[in-house]
Amino acid sequence: MSEHVYKQIELTGSSAQSSDDAVRVALEKASKTLRNMHWFEVVETRGHIEDGKVLHWQVTIKVGLRID
């Protein structure tokens, strides 16, 4: 079994559609400049409310990047 070392970073994605979409947005954007992303953990979910309805989602995630 190989031993791996990971660096953790924190990202916040946003979406008007859903919390899942906010996570997807963050990971897709980060994947354009980061490599070796292997896992994520949701650490905070929040949203903007207007007229009693969720208008926008923001999700903060920790992402594990494997160090070469």
PDB file of N, CA and C in Angstrom:
ATOM      1  N   MET A   1       0.837  -1.185   0.000  1.00  0.00           N
ATOM      2  CA  MET A   1       0.000   0.000   0.000  1.00  0.00           C
ATOM      3  C   MET A   1       0.880   1.246   0.000  1.00  0.00           C
ATOM      4  N   SER A   2       0.582   2.155  -0.883  1.00  0.00           N
ATOM      5  CA  SER A   2       1.345   3.392  -0.973  1.00  0.00           C
ATOM      6  C   SER A   2       0.962   4.356   0.135  1.00  0.00           C
ATOM      7  N   GLU A   3       1.931   5.110   0.577  1.00  0.00           N
ATOM      8  CA  GLU A   3       1.666   6.163   1.555  1.00  0.00           C
ATOM      9  C   GLU A   3       1.490   7.465   0.794  1.00  0.00           C
ATOM     10  N   HIS A   4       0.463   8.229   1.157  1.00  0.00           N
ATOM     11  CA  HIS A   4       0.184   9.490   0.472  1.00  0.00           C
ATOM     12  C   HIS A   4       0.179  10.624   1.477  1.00  0.00           C
ATOM     13  N   VAL A   5       0.509  11.804   0.994  1.00  0.00           N
ATOM     14  CA  VAL A   5       0.442  13.027   1.782  1.00  0.00           C
ATOM     15  C   VAL A   5      -0.498  13.972   1.048  1.00  0.00           C
ATOM     16  N   TYR A   6      -1.370  14.633   1.797  1.00  0.00           N
ATOM     17  CA  TYR A   6      -2.349  15.533   1.205  1.00  0.00           C
ATOM     18  C   TYR A   6      -2.214  16.934   1.779  1.00  0.00           C
ATOM     19  N   LYS A   7      -2.491  17.908   0.948  1.00  0.00           N
ATOM     20  CA  LYS A   7      -2.618  19.295   1.385  1.00  0.00           C
ATOM     21  C   LYS A   7      -4.101  19.614   1.320  1.00  0.00           C
ATOM     22  N   GLN A   8      -4.616  20.311   2.341  1.00  0.00           N
ATOM     23  CA  GLN A   8      -6.015  20.710   2.347  1.00  0.00           C
ATOM     24  C   GLN A   8      -6.139  22.188   2.000  1.00  0.00           C
ATOM     25  N   ILE A   9      -7.095  22.489   1.140  1.00  0.00           N
ATOM     26  CA  ILE A   9      -7.426  23.882   0.858  1.00  0.00           C
ATOM     27  C   ILE A   9      -8.928  24.052   1.079  1.00  0.00           C
ATOM     28  N   GLU A  10      -9.349  25.276   1.232  1.00  0.00           N
ATOM     29  CA  GLU A  10     -10.763  25.560   1.424  1.00  0.00           C
ATOM     30  C   GLU A  10     -11.274  26.379   0.249  1.00  0.00           C
ATOM     31  N   LEU A  11     -12.406  25.980  -0.289  1.00  0.00           N
ATOM     32  CA  LEU A  11     -13.038  26.660  -1.417  1.00  0.00           C
ATOM     33  C   LEU A  11     -14.489  26.955  -1.073  1.00  0.00           C
ATOM     34  N   THR A  12     -15.044  28.016  -1.639  1.00  0.00           N
ATOM     35  CA  THR A  12     -16.468  28.303  -1.502  1.00  0.00           C
ATOM     36  C   THR A  12     -17.052  28.474  -2.889  1.00  0.00           C
ATOM     37  N   GLY A  13     -18.042  27.631  -3.198  1.00  0.00           N
ATOM     38  CA  GLY A  13     -18.741  27.718  -4.473  1.00  0.00           C
ATOM     39  C   GLY A  13     -20.125  28.278  -4.255  1.00  0.00           C
ATOM     40  N   SER A  14     -20.697  28.855  -5.294  1.00  0.00           N
ATOM     41  CA  SER A  14     -22.046  29.396  -5.173  1.00  0.00           C
ATOM     42  C   SER A  14     -22.887  28.994  -6.377  1.00  0.00           C
ATOM     43  N   SER A  15     -24.209  28.931  -6.157  1.00  0.00           N
ATOM     44  CA  SER A  15     -25.133  28.546  -7.213  1.00  0.00           C
ATOM     45  C   SER A  15     -26.536  29.024  -6.857  1.00  0.00           C
ATOM     46  N   ALA A  16     -27.272  29.403  -7.862  1.00  0.00           N
ATOM     47  CA  ALA A  16     -28.676  29.757  -7.665  1.00  0.00           C
ATOM     48  C   ALA A  16     -29.559  28.507  -7.701  1.00  0.00           C
ATOM     49  N   GLN A  17     -28.985  27.356  -8.092  1.00  0.00           N
ATOM     50  CA  GLN A  17     -29.780  26.141  -8.276  1.00  0.00           C
ATOM     51  C   GLN A  17     -29.864  25.262  -7.033  1.00  0.00           C
ATOM     52  N   SER A  18     -28.711  24.926  -6.424  1.00  0.00           N
ATOM     53  CA  SER A  18     -28.717  23.996  -5.291  1.00  0.00           C
ATOM     54  C   SER A  18     -27.368  23.993  -4.589  1.00  0.00           C
ATOM     55  N   SER A  19     -27.345  23.404  -3.409  1.00  0.00           N
ATOM     56  CA  SER A  19     -26.083  23.275  -2.684  1.00  0.00           C
ATOM     57  C   SER A  19     -25.150  22.302  -3.414  1.00  0.00           C
ATOM     58  N   ASP A  20     -25.708  21.228  -3.976  1.00  0.00           N
ATOM     59  CA  ASP A  20     -24.891  20.285  -4.742  1.00  0.00           C
ATOM     60  C   ASP A  20     -24.243  20.977  -5.938  1.00  0.00           C
ATOM     61  N   ASP A  21     -24.992  21.858  -6.588  1.00  0.00           N
ATOM     62  CA  ASP A  21     -24.449  22.579  -7.736  1.00  0.00           C
ATOM     63  C   ASP A  21     -23.345  23.534  -7.303  1.00  0.00           C
ATOM     64  N   ALA A  22     -23.472  24.124  -6.117  1.00  0.00           N
ATOM     65  CA  ALA A  22     -22.425  25.011  -5.605  1.00  0.00           C
ATOM     66  C   ALA A  22     -21.115  24.236  -5.403  1.00  0.00           C
ATOM     67  N   VAL A  23     -21.202  23.002  -4.916  1.00  0.00           N
ATOM     68  CA  VAL A  23     -20.016  22.150  -4.765  1.00  0.00           C
ATOM     69  C   VAL A  23     -19.419  21.860  -6.138  1.00  0.00           C
ATOM     70  N   ARG A  24     -20.269  21.515  -7.094  1.00  0.00           N
ATOM     71  CA  ARG A  24     -19.808  21.207  -8.450  1.00  0.00           C
ATOM     72  C   ARG A  24     -19.092  22.404  -9.070  1.00  0.00           C
ATOM     73  N   VAL A  25     -19.656  23.592  -8.896  1.00  0.00           N
ATOM     74  CA  VAL A  25     -19.058  24.816  -9.437  1.00  0.00           C
ATOM     75  C   VAL A  25     -17.657  25.026  -8.858  1.00  0.00           C
ATOM     76  N   ALA A  26     -17.526  24.875  -7.548  1.00  0.00           N
ATOM     77  CA  ALA A  26     -16.226  25.066  -6.896  1.00  0.00           C
ATOM     78  C   ALA A  26     -15.195  24.073  -7.413  1.00  0.00           C
ATOM     79  N   LEU A  27     -15.572  22.801  -7.513  1.00  0.00           N
ATOM     80  CA  LEU A  27     -14.625  21.774  -7.952  1.00  0.00           C
ATOM     81  C   LEU A  27     -14.256  21.918  -9.426  1.00  0.00           C
ATOM     82  N   GLU A  28     -15.230  22.235 -10.259  1.00  0.00           N
ATOM     83  CA  GLU A  28     -14.925  22.394 -11.686  1.00  0.00           C
ATOM     84  C   GLU A  28     -14.000  23.582 -11.935  1.00  0.00           C
ATOM     85  N   LYS A  29     -14.256  24.689 -11.247  1.00  0.00           N
ATOM     86  CA  LYS A  29     -13.400  25.870 -11.408  1.00  0.00           C
ATOM     87  C   LYS A  29     -11.986  25.570 -10.898  1.00  0.00           C
ATOM     88  N   ALA A  30     -11.884  24.958  -9.720  1.00  0.00           N
ATOM     89  CA  ALA A  30     -10.575  24.659  -9.135  1.00  0.00           C
ATOM     90  C   ALA A  30      -9.782  23.681  -9.996  1.00  0.00           C
ATOM     91  N   SER A  31     -10.472  22.752 -10.646  1.00  0.00           N
ATOM     92  CA  SER A  31      -9.776  21.736 -11.445  1.00  0.00           C
ATOM     93  C   SER A  31      -9.066  22.330 -12.658  1.00  0.00           C
ATOM     94  N   LYS A  32      -9.390  23.574 -13.002  1.00  0.00           N
ATOM     95  CA  LYS A  32      -8.721  24.229 -14.134  1.00  0.00           C
ATOM     96  C   LYS A  32      -7.294  24.655 -13.785  1.00  0.00           C
ATOM     97  N   THR A  33      -7.011  24.842 -12.479  1.00  0.00           N
ATOM     98  CA  THR A  33      -5.671  25.286 -12.082  1.00  0.00           C
ATOM     99  C   THR A  33      -5.005  24.378 -11.046  1.00  0.00           C
ATOM    100  N   LEU A  34      -5.750  23.479 -10.426  1.00  0.00           N
ATOM    101  CA  LEU A  34      -5.192  22.574  -9.418  1.00  0.00           C
ATOM    102  C   LEU A  34      -5.166  21.158  -9.968  1.00  0.00           C
ATOM    103  N   ARG A  35      -4.217  20.378  -9.489  1.00  0.00           N
ATOM    104  CA  ARG A  35      -4.166  18.982  -9.907  1.00  0.00           C
ATOM    105  C   ARG A  35      -4.150  18.077  -8.681  1.00  0.00           C
ATOM    106  N   ASN A  36      -4.398  16.821  -8.909  1.00  0.00           N
ATOM    107  CA  ASN A  36      -4.382  15.790  -7.871  1.00  0.00           C
ATOM    108  C   ASN A  36      -5.430  16.005  -6.786  1.00  0.00           C
ATOM    109  N   MET A  37      -6.588  16.577  -7.148  1.00  0.00           N
ATOM    110  CA  MET A  37      -7.675  16.676  -6.171  1.00  0.00           C
ATOM    111  C   MET A  37      -8.251  15.275  -5.975  1.00  0.00           C
ATOM    112  N   HIS A  38      -8.391  14.848  -4.704  1.00  0.00           N
ATOM    113  CA  HIS A  38      -8.824  13.477  -4.449  1.00  0.00           C
ATOM    114  C   HIS A  38     -10.073  13.358  -3.599  1.00  0.00           C
ATOM    115  N   TRP A  39     -10.360  14.306  -2.762  1.00  0.00           N
ATOM    116  CA  TRP A  39     -11.548  14.208  -1.917  1.00  0.00           C
ATOM    117  C   TRP A  39     -12.011  15.603  -1.509  1.00  0.00           C
ATOM    118  N   PHE A  40     -13.257  15.678  -1.051  1.00  0.00           N
ATOM    119  CA  PHE A  40     -13.752  16.930  -0.491  1.00  0.00           C
ATOM    120  C   PHE A  40     -14.654  16.638   0.696  1.00  0.00           C
ATOM    121  N   GLU A  41     -14.783  17.639   1.548  1.00  0.00           N
ATOM    122  CA  GLU A  41     -15.631  17.555   2.741  1.00  0.00           C
ATOM    123  C   GLU A  41     -16.391  18.877   2.855  1.00  0.00           C
ATOM    124  N   VAL A  42     -17.712  18.804   2.953  1.00  0.00           N
ATOM    125  CA  VAL A  42     -18.515  20.013   3.127  1.00  0.00           C
ATOM    126  C   VAL A  42     -18.367  20.480   4.571  1.00  0.00           C
ATOM    127  N   VAL A  43     -17.959  21.739   4.758  1.00  0.00           N
ATOM    128  CA  VAL A  43     -17.769  22.266   6.109  1.00  0.00           C
ATOM    129  C   VAL A  43     -18.786  23.342   6.481  1.00  0.00           C
ATOM    130  N   GLU A  44     -19.426  23.941   5.470  1.00  0.00           N
ATOM    131  CA  GLU A  44     -20.415  24.972   5.772  1.00  0.00           C
ATOM    132  C   GLU A  44     -21.355  25.147   4.586  1.00  0.00           C
ATOM    133  N   THR A  45     -22.635  25.281   4.894  1.00  0.00           N
ATOM    134  CA  THR A  45     -23.632  25.564   3.870  1.00  0.00           C
ATOM    135  C   THR A  45     -24.447  26.756   4.336  1.00  0.00           C
ATOM    136  N   ARG A  46     -24.625  27.712   3.446  1.00  0.00           N
ATOM    137  CA  ARG A  46     -25.446  28.867   3.776  1.00  0.00           C
ATOM    138  C   ARG A  46     -26.149  29.344   2.511  1.00  0.00           C
ATOM    139  N   GLY A  47     -27.133  30.188   2.693  1.00  0.00           N
ATOM    140  CA  GLY A  47     -27.876  30.663   1.545  1.00  0.00           C
ATOM    141  C   GLY A  47     -28.440  32.053   1.765  1.00  0.00           C
ATOM    142  N   HIS A  48     -28.855  32.642   0.679  1.00  0.00           N
ATOM    143  CA  HIS A  48     -29.470  33.967   0.689  1.00  0.00           C
ATOM    144  C   HIS A  48     -30.974  33.774   0.526  1.00  0.00           C
ATOM    145  N   ILE A  49     -31.751  34.406   1.401  1.00  0.00           N
ATOM    146  CA  ILE A  49     -33.210  34.283   1.381  1.00  0.00           C
ATOM    147  C   ILE A  49     -33.816  35.599   0.926  1.00  0.00           C
ATOM    148  N   GLU A  50     -34.793  35.500   0.032  1.00  0.00           N
ATOM    149  CA  GLU A  50     -35.538  36.688  -0.389  1.00  0.00           C
ATOM    150  C   GLU A  50     -37.001  36.291  -0.554  1.00  0.00           C
ATOM    151  N   ASP A  51     -37.877  37.061   0.065  1.00  0.00           N
ATOM    152  CA  ASP A  51     -39.320  36.780   0.042  1.00  0.00           C
ATOM    153  C   ASP A  51     -39.637  35.362   0.499  1.00  0.00           C
ATOM    154  N   GLY A  52     -38.892  34.885   1.514  1.00  0.00           N
ATOM    155  CA  GLY A  52     -39.136  33.568   2.088  1.00  0.00           C
ATOM    156  C   GLY A  52     -38.640  32.402   1.255  1.00  0.00           C
ATOM    157  N   LYS A  53     -37.901  32.675   0.189  1.00  0.00           N
ATOM    158  CA  LYS A  53     -37.395  31.610  -0.677  1.00  0.00           C
ATOM    159  C   LYS A  53     -35.877  31.667  -0.762  1.00  0.00           C
ATOM    160  N   VAL A  54     -35.281  30.506  -0.932  1.00  0.00           N
ATOM    161  CA  VAL A  54     -33.831  30.444  -1.117  1.00  0.00           C
ATOM    162  C   VAL A  54     -33.508  31.007  -2.488  1.00  0.00           C
ATOM    163  N   LEU A  55     -32.715  32.071  -2.499  1.00  0.00           N
ATOM    164  CA  LEU A  55     -32.356  32.723  -3.752  1.00  0.00           C
ATOM    165  C   LEU A  55     -30.998  32.251  -4.268  1.00  0.00           C
ATOM    166  N   HIS A  56     -30.096  31.919  -3.330  1.00  0.00           N
ATOM    167  CA  HIS A  56     -28.731  31.582  -3.714  1.00  0.00           C
ATOM    168  C   HIS A  56     -28.097  30.707  -2.638  1.00  0.00           C
ATOM    169  N   TRP A  57     -27.298  29.734  -3.042  1.00  0.00           N
ATOM    170  CA  TRP A  57     -26.572  28.844  -2.142  1.00  0.00           C
ATOM    171  C   TRP A  57     -25.088  29.172  -2.168  1.00  0.00           C
ATOM    172  N   GLN A  58     -24.430  29.049  -1.000  1.00  0.00           N
ATOM    173  CA  GLN A  58     -22.966  29.090  -0.902  1.00  0.00           C
ATOM    174  C   GLN A  58     -22.538  27.896  -0.061  1.00  0.00           C
ATOM    175  N   VAL A  59     -21.574  27.144  -0.564  1.00  0.00           N
ATOM    176  CA  VAL A  59     -21.087  25.964   0.145  1.00  0.00           C
ATOM    177  C   VAL A  59     -19.565  26.047   0.246  1.00  0.00           C
ATOM    178  N   THR A  60     -19.055  25.927   1.460  1.00  0.00           N
ATOM    179  CA  THR A  60     -17.613  25.901   1.685  1.00  0.00           C
ATOM    180  C   THR A  60     -17.187  24.453   1.861  1.00  0.00           C
ATOM    181  N   ILE A  61     -16.134  24.080   1.132  1.00  0.00           N
ATOM    182  CA  ILE A  61     -15.618  22.709   1.184  1.00  0.00           C
ATOM    183  C   ILE A  61     -14.121  22.727   1.453  1.00  0.00           C
ATOM    184  N   LYS A  62     -13.653  21.662   2.088  1.00  0.00           N
ATOM    185  CA  LYS A  62     -12.214  21.399   2.183  1.00  0.00           C
ATOM    186  C   LYS A  62     -11.913  20.391   1.086  1.00  0.00           C
ATOM    187  N   VAL A  63     -10.819  20.611   0.380  1.00  0.00           N
ATOM    188  CA  VAL A  63     -10.419  19.718  -0.712  1.00  0.00           C
ATOM    189  C   VAL A  63      -9.035  19.164  -0.396  1.00  0.00           C
ATOM    190  N   GLY A  64      -8.872  17.867  -0.552  1.00  0.00           N
ATOM    191  CA  GLY A  64      -7.582  17.227  -0.345  1.00  0.00           C
ATOM    192  C   GLY A  64      -6.849  17.070  -1.661  1.00  0.00           C
ATOM    193  N   LEU A  65      -5.639  17.633  -1.721  1.00  0.00           N
ATOM    194  CA  LEU A  65      -4.780  17.541  -2.901  1.00  0.00           C
ATOM    195  C   LEU A  65      -3.610  16.616  -2.576  1.00  0.00           C
ATOM    196  N   ARG A  66      -3.456  15.568  -3.354  1.00  0.00           N
ATOM    197  CA  ARG A  66      -2.336  14.644  -3.108  1.00  0.00           C
ATOM    198  C   ARG A  66      -1.044  15.292  -3.555  1.00  0.00           C
ATOM    199  N   ILE A  67      -0.051  15.294  -2.679  1.00  0.00           N
ATOM    200  CA  ILE A  67       1.275  15.831  -2.980  1.00  0.00           C
ATOM    201  C   ILE A  67       2.090  14.760  -3.692  1.00  0.00           C
ATOM    202  N   ASP A  68       2.695  15.147  -4.807  1.00  0.00           N
ATOM    203  CA  ASP A  68       3.532  14.197  -5.563  1.00  0.00           C
ATOM    204  C   ASP A  68       4.781  13.819  -4.786  1.00  0.00           C
TER     205      ASP A  68
END
